[in-house]
C-alpha atoms as a PDB file:
ATOM      1  CA  MET A   1     384.285 132.775 223.255  1.00  0.00           C
ATOM      2  CA  ARG A   2     387.792 132.132 224.223  1.00  0.00           C
ATOM      3  CA  VAL A   3     388.843 132.143 227.897  1.00  0.00           C
ATOM      4  CA  THR A   4     392.505 132.723 228.479  1.00  0.00           C
ATOM      5  CA  PHE A   5     394.621 131.813 231.410  1.00  0.00           C
ATOM      6  CA  PHE A   6     395.178 135.521 232.046  1.00  0.00           C
ATOM      7  CA  SER A   7     391.462 136.355 232.267  1.00  0.00           C
ATOM      8  CA  VAL A   8     390.804 133.435 234.658  1.00  0.00           C
ATOM      9  CA  SER A   9     393.698 134.572 236.872  1.00  0.00           C
ATOM     10  CA  VAL A  10     392.347 138.114 237.018  1.00  0.00           C
ATOM     11  CA  VAL A  11     388.873 136.871 238.021  1.00  0.00           C
ATOM     12  CA  ILE A  12     390.346 134.652 240.755  1.00  0.00           C
ATOM     13  CA  LEU A  13     392.462 137.520 242.112  1.00  0.00           C
ATOM     14  CA  VAL A  14     389.538 139.927 242.114  1.00  0.00           C
ATOM     15  CA  LEU A  15     387.436 137.449 244.095  1.00  0.00           C
ATOM     16  CA  ALA A  16     390.241 136.350 246.429  1.00  0.00           C
ATOM     17  CA  LEU A  17     391.484 139.782 247.507  1.00  0.00           C
ATOM     18  CA  PRO A  18     388.424 140.863 249.522  1.00  0.00           C
ATOM     19  CA  LEU A  19     388.189 137.462 251.184  1.00  0.00           C
ATOM     20  CA  THR A  20     391.804 137.415 252.326  1.00  0.00           C
ATOM     21  CA  SER A  21     391.957 141.023 253.505  1.00  0.00           C
ATOM     22  CA  CYS A  22     389.018 141.025 255.937  1.00  0.00           C
ATOM     23  CA  ASN A  23     389.123 139.895 259.557  1.00  0.00           C
ATOM     24  CA  SER A  24     387.467 136.671 260.491  1.00  0.00           C
ATOM     25  CA  THR A  25     384.282 136.827 262.524  1.00  0.00           C
ATOM     26  CA  ALA A  26     386.020 135.205 265.498  1.00  0.00           C
ATOM     27  CA  LYS A  27     388.815 137.787 265.423  1.00  0.00           C
ATOM     28  CA  LYS A  28     386.281 140.638 265.278  1.00  0.00           C
ATOM     29  CA  ALA A  29     384.405 139.168 268.249  1.00  0.00           C
ATOM     30  CA  ARG A  30     387.635 138.902 270.281  1.00  0.00           C
ATOM     31  CA  THR A  31     388.568 142.488 269.480  1.00  0.00           C
ATOM     32  CA  ARG A  32     385.090 143.730 270.378  1.00  0.00           C
ATOM     33  CA  LYS A  33     385.155 141.771 273.661  1.00  0.00           C
ATOM     34  CA  GLN A  34     388.553 143.222 274.607  1.00  0.00           C
ATOM     35  CA  ALA A  35     387.381 146.749 273.831  1.00  0.00           C
ATOM     36  CA  THR A  36     384.310 146.462 276.041  1.00  0.00           C
ATOM     37  CA  LYS A  37     385.983 144.599 278.890  1.00  0.00           C
ATOM     38  CA  LYS A  38     385.791 146.723 282.033  1.00  0.00           C
ATOM     39  CA  THR A  39     389.001 146.717 284.060  1.00  0.00           C
ATOM     40  CA  ALA A  40     390.482 149.194 286.485  1.00  0.00           C
ATOM     41  CA  LYS A  41     393.311 151.222 285.065  1.00  0.00           C
ATOM     42  CA  VAL A  42     396.394 150.935 287.205  1.00  0.00           C
ATOM     43  CA  THR A  43     399.326 153.215 286.674  1.00  0.00           C
ATOM     44  CA  PRO A  44     402.775 151.985 287.744  1.00  0.00           C
ATOM     45  CA  GLY A  45     403.072 152.129 291.518  1.00  0.00           C
ATOM     46  CA  GLN A  46     399.326 152.442 292.053  1.00  0.00           C
ATOM     47  CA  GLU A  47     397.390 149.796 293.887  1.00  0.00           C
ATOM     48  CA  ASN A  48     394.903 147.697 291.981  1.00  0.00           C
ATOM     49  CA  THR A  49     391.644 149.423 292.818  1.00  0.00           C
ATOM     50  CA  ASP A  50     387.988 148.880 292.193  1.00  0.00           C
ATOM     51  CA  VAL A  51     386.458 150.187 289.012  1.00  0.00           C
ATOM     52  CA  ASP A  52     384.045 152.179 291.179  1.00  0.00           C
ATOM     53  CA  PHE A  53     386.985 153.898 292.929  1.00  0.00           C
ATOM     54  CA  ASP A  54     388.460 154.892 289.575  1.00  0.00           C
ATOM     55  CA  ALA A  55     385.073 156.247 288.455  1.00  0.00           C
ATOM     56  CA  PHE A  56     384.657 158.132 291.749  1.00  0.00           C
ATOM     57  CA  LEU A  57     388.123 159.663 291.437  1.00  0.00           C
ATOM     58  CA  ALA A  58     387.546 160.701 287.812  1.00  0.00           C
ATOM     59  CA  ARG A  59     384.266 162.358 288.781  1.00  0.00           C
ATOM     60  CA  LEU A  60     385.910 164.112 291.750  1.00  0.00           C
ATOM     61  CA  ARG A  61     388.801 165.370 289.610  1.00  0.00           C
ATOM     62  CA  LYS A  62     386.368 166.734 287.036  1.00  0.00           C
ATOM     63  CA  ALA A  63     384.240 168.455 289.710  1.00  0.00           C
ATOM     64  CA  VAL A  64     387.311 170.047 291.324  1.00  0.00           C
ATOM     65  CA  THR A  65     388.611 171.298 287.972  1.00  0.00           C
ATOM     66  CA  ALA A  66     385.204 172.875 287.308  1.00  0.00           C
ATOM     67  CA  ARG A  67     384.916 174.020 290.944  1.00  0.00           C
ATOM     68  CA  ASP A  68     381.502 172.394 291.018  1.00  0.00           C
ATOM     69  CA  MET A  69     380.880 172.762 294.735  1.00  0.00           C
ATOM     70  CA  ASN A  70     377.514 170.991 294.695  1.00  0.00           C
ATOM     71  CA  THR A  71     379.009 167.857 293.151  1.00  0.00           C
ATOM     72  CA  ILE A  72     382.068 167.971 295.404  1.00  0.00           C
ATOM     73  CA  ALA A  73     379.859 168.409 298.487  1.00  0.00           C
ATOM     74  CA  SER A  74     377.809 165.365 297.495  1.00  0.00           C
ATOM     75  CA  MET A  75     381.031 163.342 297.331  1.00  0.00           C
ATOM     76  CA  MET A  76     382.340 164.402 300.772  1.00  0.00           C
ATOM     77  CA  THR A  77     381.850 162.928 304.220  1.00  0.00           C
ATOM     78  CA  PRO A  78     379.787 165.148 306.574  1.00  0.00           C
ATOM     79  CA  ASP A  79     382.863 165.616 308.800  1.00  0.00           C
ATOM     80  CA  PHE A  80     385.229 166.376 305.894  1.00  0.00           C
ATOM     81  CA  GLY A  81     388.599 167.505 307.307  1.00  0.00           C
ATOM     82  CA  TYR A  82     390.205 170.554 305.691  1.00  0.00           C
ATOM     83  CA  SER A  83     392.677 171.910 308.259  1.00  0.00           C
ATOM     84  CA  LEU A  84     394.922 170.278 310.865  1.00  0.00           C
ATOM     85  CA  ASN A  85     396.185 173.368 312.661  1.00  0.00           C
ATOM     86  CA  PRO A  86     393.763 174.601 313.777  1.00  0.00           C
ATOM     87  CA  GLU A  87     391.561 171.546 313.262  1.00  0.00           C
ATOM     88  CA  LYS A  88     388.636 172.317 310.951  1.00  0.00           C
ATOM     89  CA  SER A  89     386.032 169.986 309.544  1.00  0.00           C
ATOM     90  CA  GLY A  90     382.517 170.019 308.206  1.00  0.00           C
ATOM     91  CA  GLU A  91     381.051 173.238 306.833  1.00  0.00           C
ATOM     92  CA  GLY A  92     383.166 176.120 305.630  1.00  0.00           C
ATOM     93  CA  VAL A  93     385.519 174.107 303.435  1.00  0.00           C
ATOM     94  CA  PHE A  94     384.764 175.919 300.166  1.00  0.00           C
ATOM     95  CA  LYS A  95     385.122 179.350 301.761  1.00  0.00           C
ATOM     96  CA  PHE A  96     388.448 178.199 303.258  1.00  0.00           C
ATOM     97  CA  TRP A  97     389.665 176.919 299.872  1.00  0.00           C
ATOM     98  CA  ASP A  98     388.633 180.171 298.160  1.00  0.00           C
ATOM     99  CA  GLU A  99     390.176 182.471 300.803  1.00  0.00           C
ATOM    100  CA  ASN A 100     393.471 180.543 300.879  1.00  0.00           C
ATOM    101  CA  ASN A 101     393.638 179.751 297.132  1.00  0.00           C
ATOM    102  CA  ILE A 102     393.748 176.007 297.828  1.00  0.00           C
ATOM    103  CA  TRP A 103     392.083 174.910 294.558  1.00  0.00           C
ATOM    104  CA  PRO A 104     395.354 174.534 292.572  1.00  0.00           C
ATOM    105  CA  GLU A 105     396.884 172.430 295.381  1.00  0.00           C
ATOM    106  CA  LEU A 106     393.766 170.272 295.496  1.00  0.00           C
ATOM    107  CA  GLU A 107     393.861 169.689 291.741  1.00  0.00           C
ATOM    108  CA  GLY A 108     397.548 168.784 291.933  1.00  0.00           C
ATOM    109  CA  ILE A 109     397.156 166.261 294.755  1.00  0.00           C
ATOM    110  CA  LEU A 110     394.083 164.655 293.160  1.00  0.00           C
ATOM    111  CA  ALA A 111     396.133 164.172 289.966  1.00  0.00           C
ATOM    112  CA  GLU A 112     398.604 162.002 291.934  1.00  0.00           C
ATOM    113  CA  LYS A 113     398.496 158.226 292.314  1.00  0.00           C
ATOM    114  CA  PHE A 114     396.382 156.910 295.163  1.00  0.00           C
ATOM    115  CA  LEU A 115     397.623 154.141 297.448  1.00  0.00           C
ATOM    116  CA  LYS A 116     396.002 152.258 300.289  1.00  0.00           C
ATOM    117  CA  LYS A 117     396.800 153.458 303.813  1.00  0.00           C
ATOM    118  CA  GLU A 118     394.780 151.858 306.588  1.00  0.00           C
ATOM    119  CA  ASP A 119     391.085 152.389 305.714  1.00  0.00           C
ATOM    120  CA  TYR A 120     391.817 155.119 303.166  1.00  0.00           C
ATOM    121  CA  MET A 121     393.051 155.550 299.625  1.00  0.00           C
ATOM    122  CA  VAL A 122     395.527 158.419 299.902  1.00  0.00           C
ATOM    123  CA  ALA A 123     397.532 160.723 297.667  1.00  0.00           C
ATOM    124  CA  PRO A 124     400.288 161.595 297.114  1.00  0.00           C
ATOM    125  CA  PRO A 125     402.014 158.194 297.336  1.00  0.00           C
ATOM    126  CA  GLN A 126     404.654 159.635 299.689  1.00  0.00           C
ATOM    127  CA  PHE A 127     401.993 160.000 302.379  1.00  0.00           C
ATOM    128  CA  ALA A 128     401.328 156.256 302.294  1.00  0.00           C
ATOM    129  CA  ASP A 129     404.976 155.523 303.183  1.00  0.00           C
ATOM    130  CA  PRO A 130     405.436 156.057 306.957  1.00  0.00           C
ATOM    131  CA  SER A 131     409.239 156.155 306.635  1.00  0.00           C
ATOM    132  CA  LEU A 132     409.062 159.439 304.684  1.00  0.00           C
ATOM    133  CA  ASN A 133     407.266 161.491 307.373  1.00  0.00           C
ATOM    134  CA  TYR A 134     405.416 163.381 304.619  1.00  0.00           C
ATOM    135  CA  ASP A 135     403.731 166.523 305.955  1.00  0.00           C
ATOM    136  CA  GLY A 136     402.543 168.342 302.815  1.00  0.00           C
ATOM    137  CA  TYR A 137     399.089 168.487 301.288  1.00  0.00           C
ATOM    138  CA  ARG A 138     397.314 165.146 301.192  1.00  0.00           C
ATOM    139  CA  ALA A 139     393.920 163.744 300.315  1.00  0.00           C
ATOM    140  CA  GLY A 140     392.041 160.781 301.716  1.00  0.00           C
ATOM    141  CA  ILE A 141     389.114 158.882 300.259  1.00  0.00           C
ATOM    142  CA  ARG A 142     387.361 156.034 302.073  1.00  0.00           C
ATOM    143  CA  ARG A 143     384.353 153.780 301.811  1.00  0.00           C
ATOM    144  CA  VAL A 144     381.321 154.841 303.817  1.00  0.00           C
ATOM    145  CA  ASN A 145     378.354 152.463 303.788  1.00  0.00           C
ATOM    146  CA  GLY A 146     379.659 150.841 300.593  1.00  0.00           C
ATOM    147  CA  SER A 147     380.279 154.089 298.689  1.00  0.00           C
ATOM    148  CA  TRP A 148     383.489 156.048 298.211  1.00  0.00           C
ATOM    149  CA  LYS A 149     383.591 159.436 299.958  1.00  0.00           C
ATOM    150  CA  PHE A 150     386.127 162.251 299.942  1.00  0.00           C
ATOM    151  CA  ALA A 151     387.127 162.347 303.635  1.00  0.00           C
ATOM    152  CA  TYR A 152     389.893 164.943 303.928  1.00  0.00           C
ATOM    153  CA  PHE A 153     392.260 167.331 302.214  1.00  0.00           C
ATOM    154  CA  VAL A 154     394.766 168.805 304.652  1.00  0.00           C
ATOM    155  CA  ASN A 155     398.266 170.237 304.871  1.00  0.00           C
ATOM    156  CA  GLY A 156     400.808 169.730 307.621  1.00  0.00           C
END
């Protein structure tokens, strides 16, 4: 049996190709670690927040989009503020939102970036800047006994 240079080269290439084209184990481990690393997503201009705040906000946004009043209610403070003039808080918020078609405004404000203002995370960002005298719709979320709670959504 005669072995030629050509046949040896083909065998070497066939064996070498799979070995050179695959990722190393260390590279795979790094990629996997980066993919599972839990970090808070921060959009430009947004404060670095806790992962639990981001999860709370995502859950609240989803509940508002679905108008899931039970879930929203479980995420609110007992004295949730929903009107400044006249001042209204507590029960009656969902009826107020339905009667005044507030749901689209609520969805829009919750889609905004949240920034820290005193003890609250607030949206839209304009409300966090005192020099702007913002008086439109705004939302506030704060920690209550270690958990995030939806504290107010008001206009004016």
